[in-house]
């Protein structure tokens, strides 16, 4: 089930994003980004609709997915 970010309290949205980033671990990019930079980048994707917040009823977990990957 897709959860519209607009329906979440700001603090809840931030907590979901930070939890997702910490679960994903190291990004192994050319330049390591700070948690704040990763958070801002991911929030921008959520706000512009290219990333979605997804609740799995089966697994009872919340995740953030690329919209295009999710819709395949």
Protein backbone atom coordinates (compact mmCIF):
# COMPACT_ATOMS: atom_id res chain seq x y z
CA UNK A 1 0.00 0.00 0.00
CA UNK A 2 1.41 3.38 -0.99
CA UNK A 3 1.40 5.93 1.82
CA UNK A 4 1.05 9.54 0.60
CA UNK A 5 3.81 11.54 2.26
CA UNK A 6 1.45 14.50 2.59
CA UNK A 7 -0.62 12.53 5.11
CA UNK A 8 2.33 11.98 7.46
CA UNK A 9 3.41 14.28 10.25
CA UNK A 10 6.73 15.98 9.38
CA UNK A 11 8.54 14.20 12.24
CA UNK A 12 7.17 10.82 11.16
CA UNK A 13 8.31 11.38 7.58
CA UNK A 14 11.81 12.35 8.76
CA UNK A 15 11.99 9.26 10.99
CA UNK A 16 10.96 6.97 8.10
CA UNK A 17 13.57 8.53 5.81
CA UNK A 18 16.36 8.33 8.41
CA UNK A 19 15.46 4.72 9.23
CA UNK A 20 15.56 3.80 5.54
CA UNK A 21 18.95 5.46 5.05
CA UNK A 22 20.46 3.74 8.07
CA UNK A 23 19.10 0.34 6.93
CA UNK A 24 20.57 0.80 3.46
CA UNK A 25 24.11 1.22 4.84
CA UNK A 26 27.05 2.50 2.83
CA UNK A 27 26.33 3.79 -0.64
CA UNK A 28 29.89 3.16 -1.99
CA UNK A 29 29.66 6.25 -4.15
CA UNK A 30 32.62 8.30 -5.26
CA UNK A 31 31.98 10.70 -2.40
CA UNK A 32 30.42 9.65 0.90
CA UNK A 33 27.43 11.84 1.77
CA UNK A 34 26.45 12.84 5.28
CA UNK A 35 23.19 11.60 6.79
CA UNK A 36 21.78 15.10 6.36
CA UNK A 37 22.70 15.19 2.65
CA UNK A 38 21.25 11.72 2.06
CA UNK A 39 18.11 12.73 3.94
CA UNK A 40 17.67 15.90 1.89
CA UNK A 41 18.24 14.02 -1.39
CA UNK A 42 15.71 11.33 -0.50
CA UNK A 43 13.14 13.85 0.73
CA UNK A 44 13.47 15.72 -2.58
CA UNK A 45 12.70 12.48 -4.44
CA UNK A 46 9.70 11.82 -2.21
CA UNK A 47 8.40 15.38 -2.66
CA UNK A 48 8.74 15.27 -6.47
CA UNK A 49 7.08 11.85 -6.67
CA UNK A 50 10.04 9.86 -8.02
CA UNK A 51 10.20 7.88 -4.74
CA UNK A 52 7.25 6.46 -2.83
CA UNK A 53 6.68 5.28 0.72
CA UNK A 54 5.33 1.75 0.74
CA UNK A 55 3.78 -0.27 3.59
CA UNK A 56 3.88 -4.05 3.19
CA UNK A 57 0.92 -5.58 5.00
CA UNK A 58 2.38 -9.04 4.43
CA UNK A 59 5.73 -8.26 6.07
CA UNK A 60 4.50 -5.39 8.25
CA UNK A 61 7.38 -3.21 7.09
CA UNK A 62 7.72 0.25 5.62
CA UNK A 63 10.04 0.96 2.72
CA UNK A 64 10.90 3.69 0.25
CA UNK A 65 11.02 2.65 -3.39
CA UNK A 66 11.76 4.22 -6.73
CA UNK A 67 8.35 4.86 -8.29
CA UNK A 68 9.37 3.37 -11.65
CA UNK A 69 10.69 0.18 -10.04
CA UNK A 70 7.56 -0.15 -7.93
CA UNK A 71 5.18 0.20 -10.88
CA UNK A 72 6.89 -2.52 -12.97
